[in-house]
C-alpha atoms as a PDB file:
ATOM      1  CA  MET A   1     -33.280  -3.533   4.982  1.00  0.00           C
ATOM      2  CA  ALA A   2     -33.633   0.247   3.912  1.00  0.00           C
ATOM      3  CA  GLN A   3     -35.880   2.145   6.521  1.00  0.00           C
ATOM      4  CA  PRO A   4     -39.428   3.638   5.497  1.00  0.00           C
ATOM      5  CA  ALA A   5     -39.161   7.170   3.967  1.00  0.00           C
ATOM      6  CA  ASP A   6     -41.041   8.695   6.965  1.00  0.00           C
ATOM      7  CA  THR A   7     -38.181   7.795   9.519  1.00  0.00           C
ATOM      8  CA  HIS A   8     -35.494   9.873  10.469  1.00  0.00           C
ATOM      9  CA  PRO A   9     -31.913   9.184  10.156  1.00  0.00           C
ATOM     10  CA  VAL A  10     -30.037   6.998  12.637  1.00  0.00           C
ATOM     11  CA  ARG A  11     -26.890   8.113  14.473  1.00  0.00           C
ATOM     12  CA  TYR A  12     -23.721   5.954  14.266  1.00  0.00           C
ATOM     13  CA  GLU A  13     -20.213   5.686  15.689  1.00  0.00           C
ATOM     14  CA  PHE A  14     -17.320   4.217  13.868  1.00  0.00           C
ATOM     15  CA  VAL A  15     -14.145   3.716  15.506  1.00  0.00           C
ATOM     16  CA  VAL A  16     -11.085   3.155  13.044  1.00  0.00           C
ATOM     17  CA  GLU A  17      -7.800   1.924  13.851  1.00  0.00           C
ATOM     18  CA  GLY A  18      -5.119   4.555  14.086  1.00  0.00           C
ATOM     19  CA  ASP A  19      -5.225   8.278  13.883  1.00  0.00           C
ATOM     20  CA  MET A  20      -6.315   9.798  10.259  1.00  0.00           C
ATOM     21  CA  THR A  21      -4.612  12.346   8.503  1.00  0.00           C
ATOM     22  CA  ASP A  22      -6.647  15.569   7.610  1.00  0.00           C
ATOM     23  CA  ARG A  23      -7.056  14.810   4.000  1.00  0.00           C
ATOM     24  CA  THR A  24      -8.401  11.328   5.273  1.00  0.00           C
ATOM     25  CA  LYS A  25     -10.676  12.938   7.521  1.00  0.00           C
ATOM     26  CA  ALA A  26     -11.981  15.176   4.660  1.00  0.00           C
ATOM     27  CA  ALA A  27     -13.449  12.040   2.951  1.00  0.00           C
ATOM     28  CA  PHE A  28     -16.141  12.029   5.605  1.00  0.00           C
ATOM     29  CA  PRO A  29     -17.562  15.302   5.466  1.00  0.00           C
ATOM     30  CA  ASP A  30     -20.709  14.553   6.897  1.00  0.00           C
ATOM     31  CA  LEU A  31     -19.425  12.963  10.121  1.00  0.00           C
ATOM     32  CA  ALA A  32     -17.808  14.443  13.488  1.00  0.00           C
ATOM     33  CA  VAL A  33     -14.188  13.399  14.090  1.00  0.00           C
ATOM     34  CA  ALA A  34     -12.706  12.926  17.704  1.00  0.00           C
ATOM     35  CA  ARG A  35      -9.485  11.251  18.609  1.00  0.00           C
ATOM     36  CA  THR A  36      -9.031   8.959  21.360  1.00  0.00           C
ATOM     37  CA  PRO A  37      -6.551   8.405  24.144  1.00  0.00           C
ATOM     38  CA  TYR A  38      -5.736   4.903  22.311  1.00  0.00           C
ATOM     39  CA  PRO A  39      -4.415   4.740  18.727  1.00  0.00           C
ATOM     40  CA  CYS A  40      -8.044   5.134  17.249  1.00  0.00           C
ATOM     41  CA  THR A  41     -10.121   7.522  15.754  1.00  0.00           C
ATOM     42  CA  ARG A  42     -14.006   8.018  16.413  1.00  0.00           C
ATOM     43  CA  LEU A  43     -16.147   9.486  13.808  1.00  0.00           C
ATOM     44  CA  PHE A  44     -19.821   9.779  14.350  1.00  0.00           C
ATOM     45  CA  GLY A  45     -23.150  11.326  12.703  1.00  0.00           C
ATOM     46  CA  PRO A  46     -26.259  10.436  11.189  1.00  0.00           C
ATOM     47  CA  LEU A  47     -27.010   8.169   8.207  1.00  0.00           C
ATOM     48  CA  GLU A  48     -30.078   7.946   5.997  1.00  0.00           C
ATOM     49  CA  ASP A  49     -30.712   4.166   5.558  1.00  0.00           C
ATOM     50  CA  ASP A  50     -28.749   1.161   5.308  1.00  0.00           C
ATOM     51  CA  THR A  51     -27.490   1.595   1.802  1.00  0.00           C
ATOM     52  CA  ALA A  52     -25.828   4.849   3.427  1.00  0.00           C
ATOM     53  CA  LEU A  53     -24.265   2.684   6.034  1.00  0.00           C
ATOM     54  CA  ARG A  54     -23.039   0.015   3.574  1.00  0.00           C
ATOM     55  CA  GLY A  55     -21.552   2.910   1.355  1.00  0.00           C
ATOM     56  CA  MET A  56     -19.544   4.209   4.390  1.00  0.00           C
ATOM     57  CA  LEU A  57     -18.215   1.124   4.988  1.00  0.00           C
ATOM     58  CA  ALA A  58     -17.106   0.731   1.468  1.00  0.00           C
ATOM     59  CA  ARG A  59     -15.450   4.347   1.695  1.00  0.00           C
ATOM     60  CA  PHE A  60     -13.563   3.138   4.842  1.00  0.00           C
ATOM     61  CA  ASP A  61     -12.605   0.041   3.066  1.00  0.00           C
ATOM     62  CA  ALA A  62     -11.762   1.908  -0.224  1.00  0.00           C
ATOM     63  CA  LEU A  63      -9.000   3.997   2.011  1.00  0.00           C
ATOM     64  CA  GLY A  64      -7.290   1.298   3.476  1.00  0.00           C
ATOM     65  CA  LEU A  65      -9.031   2.115   7.004  1.00  0.00           C
ATOM     66  CA  THR A  66      -9.875  -0.685   9.591  1.00  0.00           C
ATOM     67  CA  VAL A  67     -13.190  -0.088  11.391  1.00  0.00           C
ATOM     68  CA  VAL A  68     -12.589  -1.863  14.937  1.00  0.00           C
ATOM     69  CA  GLU A  69     -15.975  -0.989  16.072  1.00  0.00           C
ATOM     70  CA  LEU A  70     -19.468   0.084  14.667  1.00  0.00           C
ATOM     71  CA  ARG A  71     -22.430   0.930  16.785  1.00  0.00           C
ATOM     72  CA  ARG A  72     -25.881   2.611  16.622  1.00  0.00           C
ATOM     73  CA  LEU A  73     -26.139   5.657  19.055  1.00  0.00           C
ATOM     74  CA  PRO A  74     -29.275   6.255  20.852  1.00  0.00           C
ATOM     75  CA  ASP A  75     -31.828   8.584  19.419  1.00  0.00           C
END
């Protein structure tokens, strides 16, 4: 369900399996990237609505990346 127009973007964190190349990271210009001590990469940032969230998940899938965790971050 889409958010009403008067609400603010929601921040999300995506944990992706493995290390990402610089080229793959460039596919997510709106997300900040942080490595973890485990073989995963964390990406986080705001998304406007549920449609943007589904689009982001589709982008991960299209690039062959496995999202192992997704969480909504507190405001």
